[in-house]
């Protein structure tokens, strides 16, 4: 892929993220002035957009709520594991 096209994609992703817009293939293609099919046909461009999509800050409350739910579940799983190991240690101490 040509360097100017990569630069256009990079700039489009950065501009979209900076302005709080979602980074989608359609938006990036429109902002960069290239066709969506160009992006879909080129794995390097598609991967670049996906990278920017993952690292772009998402300030939506839905994302924060989902992240909190995931963290709560992880903490609950960890607490359950600690309780289980604690019970096993107590049984070993009595044995």
N, C-alpha and C. Protein backbone atom coordinates (compact mmCIF):
# COMPACT_ATOMS: atom_id res chain seq x y z
N UNK A 1 0.85 -1.18 0.00
CA UNK A 1 0.00 0.00 0.00
C UNK A 1 0.89 1.22 0.00
N UNK A 2 0.43 2.23 -0.69
CA UNK A 2 1.22 3.45 -0.81
C UNK A 2 1.21 4.22 0.51
N UNK A 3 2.31 4.88 0.76
CA UNK A 3 2.45 5.65 1.98
C UNK A 3 1.42 6.78 2.09
N UNK A 4 1.10 7.48 0.98
CA UNK A 4 0.08 8.53 1.10
C UNK A 4 -1.27 7.99 1.58
N UNK A 5 -1.64 6.80 1.13
CA UNK A 5 -2.92 6.23 1.57
C UNK A 5 -2.87 5.89 3.05
N UNK A 6 -1.76 5.31 3.50
CA UNK A 6 -1.61 5.02 4.93
C UNK A 6 -1.68 6.31 5.74
N UNK A 7 -1.01 7.35 5.24
CA UNK A 7 -1.03 8.63 5.95
C UNK A 7 -2.44 9.21 6.01
N UNK A 8 -3.20 9.07 4.92
CA UNK A 8 -4.58 9.56 4.90
C UNK A 8 -5.42 8.83 5.94
N UNK A 9 -5.23 7.53 6.02
CA UNK A 9 -5.97 6.72 7.00
C UNK A 9 -5.59 7.13 8.42
N UNK A 10 -4.29 7.27 8.67
CA UNK A 10 -3.81 7.69 10.00
C UNK A 10 -4.42 9.03 10.40
N UNK A 11 -4.36 9.98 9.47
CA UNK A 11 -4.89 11.32 9.75
C UNK A 11 -6.40 11.27 10.01
N UNK A 12 -7.11 10.51 9.19
CA UNK A 12 -8.56 10.40 9.35
C UNK A 12 -8.91 9.81 10.71
N UNK A 13 -8.22 8.74 11.10
CA UNK A 13 -8.48 8.11 12.40
C UNK A 13 -8.19 9.08 13.54
N UNK A 14 -7.07 9.77 13.45
CA UNK A 14 -6.69 10.73 14.50
C UNK A 14 -7.72 11.86 14.59
N UNK A 15 -8.14 12.38 13.45
CA UNK A 15 -9.13 13.47 13.44
C UNK A 15 -10.46 13.01 14.03
N UNK A 16 -10.90 11.84 13.63
CA UNK A 16 -12.17 11.32 14.14
C UNK A 16 -12.11 11.12 15.65
N UNK A 17 -11.03 10.53 16.13
CA UNK A 17 -10.88 10.29 17.57
C UNK A 17 -10.81 11.61 18.33
N UNK A 18 -10.04 12.55 17.82
CA UNK A 18 -9.88 13.84 18.48
C UNK A 18 -11.21 14.58 18.60
N UNK A 19 -12.05 14.43 17.60
CA UNK A 19 -13.34 15.12 17.60
C UNK A 19 -14.47 14.31 18.21
N UNK A 20 -14.12 13.15 18.78
CA UNK A 20 -15.11 12.34 19.48
C UNK A 20 -16.04 11.55 18.59
N UNK A 21 -15.67 11.37 17.34
CA UNK A 21 -16.50 10.60 16.41
C UNK A 21 -16.09 9.13 16.45
N UNK A 22 -17.03 8.23 16.21
CA UNK A 22 -16.66 6.81 16.17
C UNK A 22 -15.75 6.53 14.98
N UNK A 23 -14.83 5.62 15.18
CA UNK A 23 -13.91 5.24 14.11
C UNK A 23 -14.49 4.01 13.43
N UNK A 24 -15.14 4.26 12.31
CA UNK A 24 -15.71 3.18 11.51
C UNK A 24 -15.08 3.23 10.13
N UNK A 25 -15.16 2.13 9.43
CA UNK A 25 -14.58 2.09 8.08
C UNK A 25 -15.26 3.13 7.19
N UNK A 26 -16.57 3.24 7.31
CA UNK A 26 -17.29 4.21 6.48
C UNK A 26 -16.85 5.64 6.79
N UNK A 27 -16.74 5.97 8.07
CA UNK A 27 -16.33 7.33 8.46
C UNK A 27 -14.89 7.61 8.05
N UNK A 28 -14.00 6.64 8.26
CA UNK A 28 -12.60 6.83 7.89
C UNK A 28 -12.47 7.00 6.38
N UNK A 29 -13.16 6.16 5.63
CA UNK A 29 -13.10 6.26 4.16
C UNK A 29 -13.59 7.62 3.70
N UNK A 30 -14.71 8.06 4.25
CA UNK A 30 -15.26 9.37 3.87
C UNK A 30 -14.29 10.49 4.22
N UNK A 31 -13.75 10.45 5.44
CA UNK A 31 -12.84 11.49 5.90
C UNK A 31 -11.53 11.50 5.11
N UNK A 32 -11.06 10.30 4.73
CA UNK A 32 -9.79 10.19 3.99
C UNK A 32 -9.97 10.40 2.49
N UNK A 33 -11.21 10.37 2.03
CA UNK A 33 -11.45 10.55 0.60
C UNK A 33 -11.11 9.33 -0.24
N UNK A 34 -11.27 8.15 0.36
CA UNK A 34 -11.04 6.91 -0.39
C UNK A 34 -12.29 6.04 -0.28
N UNK A 35 -12.36 5.02 -1.08
CA UNK A 35 -13.55 4.17 -1.05
C UNK A 35 -13.44 3.13 0.07
N UNK A 36 -14.60 2.70 0.55
CA UNK A 36 -14.62 1.64 1.56
C UNK A 36 -14.04 0.35 1.00
N UNK A 37 -14.29 0.09 -0.28
CA UNK A 37 -13.78 -1.14 -0.88
C UNK A 37 -12.26 -1.16 -0.88
N UNK A 38 -11.63 0.00 -1.01
CA UNK A 38 -10.16 0.06 -0.94
C UNK A 38 -9.70 -0.44 0.43
N UNK A 39 -10.39 -0.03 1.46
CA UNK A 39 -10.03 -0.45 2.82
C UNK A 39 -10.29 -1.93 3.00
N UNK A 40 -11.45 -2.39 2.58
CA UNK A 40 -11.80 -3.81 2.75
C UNK A 40 -10.88 -4.73 1.97
N UNK A 41 -10.38 -4.28 0.83
CA UNK A 41 -9.50 -5.11 0.01
C UNK A 41 -8.06 -5.14 0.53
N UNK A 42 -7.73 -4.22 1.42
CA UNK A 42 -6.36 -4.14 1.90
C UNK A 42 -6.30 -4.46 3.39
N UNK A 43 -5.77 -5.64 3.74
CA UNK A 43 -5.72 -6.04 5.16
C UNK A 43 -4.92 -5.06 6.03
N UNK A 44 -3.90 -4.44 5.45
CA UNK A 44 -3.07 -3.51 6.22
C UNK A 44 -3.90 -2.28 6.64
N UNK A 45 -4.69 -1.77 5.72
CA UNK A 45 -5.54 -0.61 6.04
C UNK A 45 -6.62 -1.00 7.04
N UNK A 46 -7.21 -2.15 6.82
CA UNK A 46 -8.26 -2.63 7.72
C UNK A 46 -7.70 -2.80 9.13
N UNK A 47 -6.50 -3.38 9.25
CA UNK A 47 -5.86 -3.59 10.56
C UNK A 47 -5.53 -2.25 11.22
N UNK A 48 -5.09 -1.29 10.43
CA UNK A 48 -4.75 0.03 10.96
C UNK A 48 -5.99 0.69 11.57
N UNK A 49 -7.10 0.61 10.87
CA UNK A 49 -8.34 1.19 11.38
C UNK A 49 -8.80 0.45 12.63
N UNK A 50 -8.70 -0.86 12.62
CA UNK A 50 -9.09 -1.65 13.79
C UNK A 50 -8.23 -1.28 15.00
N UNK A 51 -6.94 -1.07 14.77
CA UNK A 51 -6.04 -0.65 15.85
C UNK A 51 -6.51 0.68 16.43
N UNK A 52 -6.79 1.64 15.58
CA UNK A 52 -7.24 2.95 16.05
C UNK A 52 -8.59 2.84 16.75
N UNK A 53 -9.43 1.95 16.28
CA UNK A 53 -10.74 1.76 16.91
C UNK A 53 -10.57 1.25 18.34
N UNK A 54 -9.61 0.37 18.54
CA UNK A 54 -9.42 -0.21 19.87
C UNK A 54 -8.76 0.74 20.85
N UNK A 55 -7.87 1.61 20.35
CA UNK A 55 -7.16 2.50 21.26
C UNK A 55 -7.85 3.85 21.42
N UNK A 56 -8.86 4.12 20.62
CA UNK A 56 -9.57 5.40 20.72
C UNK A 56 -10.36 5.45 22.02
N UNK A 57 -10.31 6.58 22.69
CA UNK A 57 -11.10 6.68 23.93
C UNK A 57 -12.58 6.65 23.62
N UNK A 58 -13.29 5.91 24.42
CA UNK A 58 -14.74 5.83 24.25
C UNK A 58 -15.37 6.42 25.50
N UNK A 59 -15.88 7.60 25.40
CA UNK A 59 -16.42 8.29 26.55
C UNK A 59 -17.88 8.00 26.82
N UNK A 60 -18.45 7.07 26.12
CA UNK A 60 -19.88 6.82 26.30
C UNK A 60 -20.15 6.14 27.64
N UNK A 61 -21.30 6.45 28.21
CA UNK A 61 -21.69 5.84 29.48
C UNK A 61 -21.90 4.34 29.34
N UNK A 62 -22.34 3.91 28.18
CA UNK A 62 -22.54 2.48 27.96
C UNK A 62 -21.22 1.74 28.09
N UNK A 63 -20.17 2.29 27.51
CA UNK A 63 -18.86 1.65 27.59
C UNK A 63 -18.37 1.60 29.03
N UNK A 64 -18.59 2.68 29.77
CA UNK A 64 -18.16 2.72 31.17
C UNK A 64 -18.97 1.72 31.99
N UNK A 65 -20.26 1.66 31.76
CA UNK A 65 -21.11 0.71 32.47
C UNK A 65 -20.70 -0.73 32.17
N UNK A 66 -20.43 -1.01 30.91
CA UNK A 66 -19.99 -2.36 30.53
C UNK A 66 -18.66 -2.70 31.20
N UNK A 67 -17.76 -1.72 31.24
CA UNK A 67 -16.45 -1.96 31.85
C UNK A 67 -16.60 -2.21 33.35
N UNK A 68 -17.46 -1.45 34.01
CA UNK A 68 -17.70 -1.67 35.43
C UNK A 68 -18.28 -3.05 35.70
N UNK A 69 -19.21 -3.47 34.86
CA UNK A 69 -19.80 -4.80 35.02
C UNK A 69 -18.74 -5.88 34.86
N UNK A 70 -17.86 -5.71 33.89
CA UNK A 70 -16.78 -6.67 33.68
C UNK A 70 -15.84 -6.70 34.87
N UNK A 71 -15.50 -5.53 35.40
CA UNK A 71 -14.61 -5.47 36.57
C UNK A 71 -15.27 -6.08 37.80
N UNK A 72 -16.55 -5.82 37.99
CA UNK A 72 -17.26 -6.42 39.13
C UNK A 72 -17.24 -7.95 39.04
N UNK A 73 -17.46 -8.46 37.85
CA UNK A 73 -17.45 -9.91 37.66
C UNK A 73 -16.06 -10.48 37.93
N UNK A 74 -15.03 -9.77 37.48
CA UNK A 74 -13.65 -10.23 37.72
C UNK A 74 -13.34 -10.24 39.21
N UNK A 75 -13.76 -9.20 39.93
CA UNK A 75 -13.53 -9.13 41.37
C UNK A 75 -14.29 -10.25 42.08
N UNK A 76 -15.53 -10.50 41.66
CA UNK A 76 -16.32 -11.57 42.26
C UNK A 76 -15.66 -12.93 42.04
N UNK A 77 -15.18 -13.17 40.84
CA UNK A 77 -14.50 -14.43 40.53
C UNK A 77 -13.24 -14.58 41.38
N UNK A 78 -12.49 -13.50 41.52
CA UNK A 78 -11.28 -13.53 42.34
C UNK A 78 -11.63 -13.80 43.80
N UNK A 79 -12.66 -13.15 44.31
CA UNK A 79 -13.08 -13.37 45.70
C UNK A 79 -13.51 -14.81 45.92
N UNK A 80 -14.25 -15.38 44.98
CA UNK A 80 -14.66 -16.78 45.08
C UNK A 80 -13.45 -17.71 45.10
N UNK A 81 -12.47 -17.41 44.28
CA UNK A 81 -11.25 -18.23 44.23
C UNK A 81 -10.49 -18.14 45.54
N UNK A 82 -10.39 -16.95 46.11
CA UNK A 82 -9.70 -16.77 47.39
C UNK A 82 -10.43 -17.53 48.49
N UNK A 83 -11.76 -17.44 48.52
CA UNK A 83 -12.54 -18.19 49.53
C UNK A 83 -12.31 -19.69 49.40
N UNK A 84 -12.30 -20.17 48.16
CA UNK A 84 -12.08 -21.59 47.91
C UNK A 84 -10.70 -22.02 48.40
N UNK A 85 -9.69 -21.24 48.07
CA UNK A 85 -8.33 -21.58 48.50
C UNK A 85 -8.19 -21.48 50.02
N UNK A 86 -8.85 -20.51 50.62
CA UNK A 86 -8.82 -20.36 52.07
C UNK A 86 -9.43 -21.59 52.74
N UNK A 87 -10.54 -22.06 52.20
CA UNK A 87 -11.18 -23.26 52.75
C UNK A 87 -10.27 -24.48 52.60
N UNK A 88 -9.60 -24.60 51.47
CA UNK A 88 -8.68 -25.71 51.27
C UNK A 88 -7.52 -25.65 52.26
N UNK A 89 -7.00 -24.46 52.51
CA UNK A 89 -5.89 -24.31 53.46
C UNK A 89 -6.34 -24.67 54.88
N UNK A 90 -7.54 -24.28 55.25
CA UNK A 90 -8.05 -24.63 56.58
C UNK A 90 -8.19 -26.14 56.73
N UNK A 91 -8.66 -26.81 55.67
CA UNK A 91 -8.80 -28.27 55.72
C UNK A 91 -7.44 -28.93 55.83
N UNK A 92 -6.46 -28.43 55.13
CA UNK A 92 -5.11 -29.00 55.20
C UNK A 92 -4.51 -28.81 56.59
N UNK A 93 -4.81 -27.69 57.22
CA UNK A 93 -4.29 -27.41 58.56
C UNK A 93 -4.90 -28.31 59.62
N UNK A 94 -6.11 -28.80 59.40
CA UNK A 94 -6.79 -29.67 60.36
C UNK A 94 -6.37 -31.12 60.17
N UNK A 95 -5.90 -31.43 58.98
CA UNK A 95 -5.62 -32.82 58.62
C UNK A 95 -4.42 -33.35 59.21
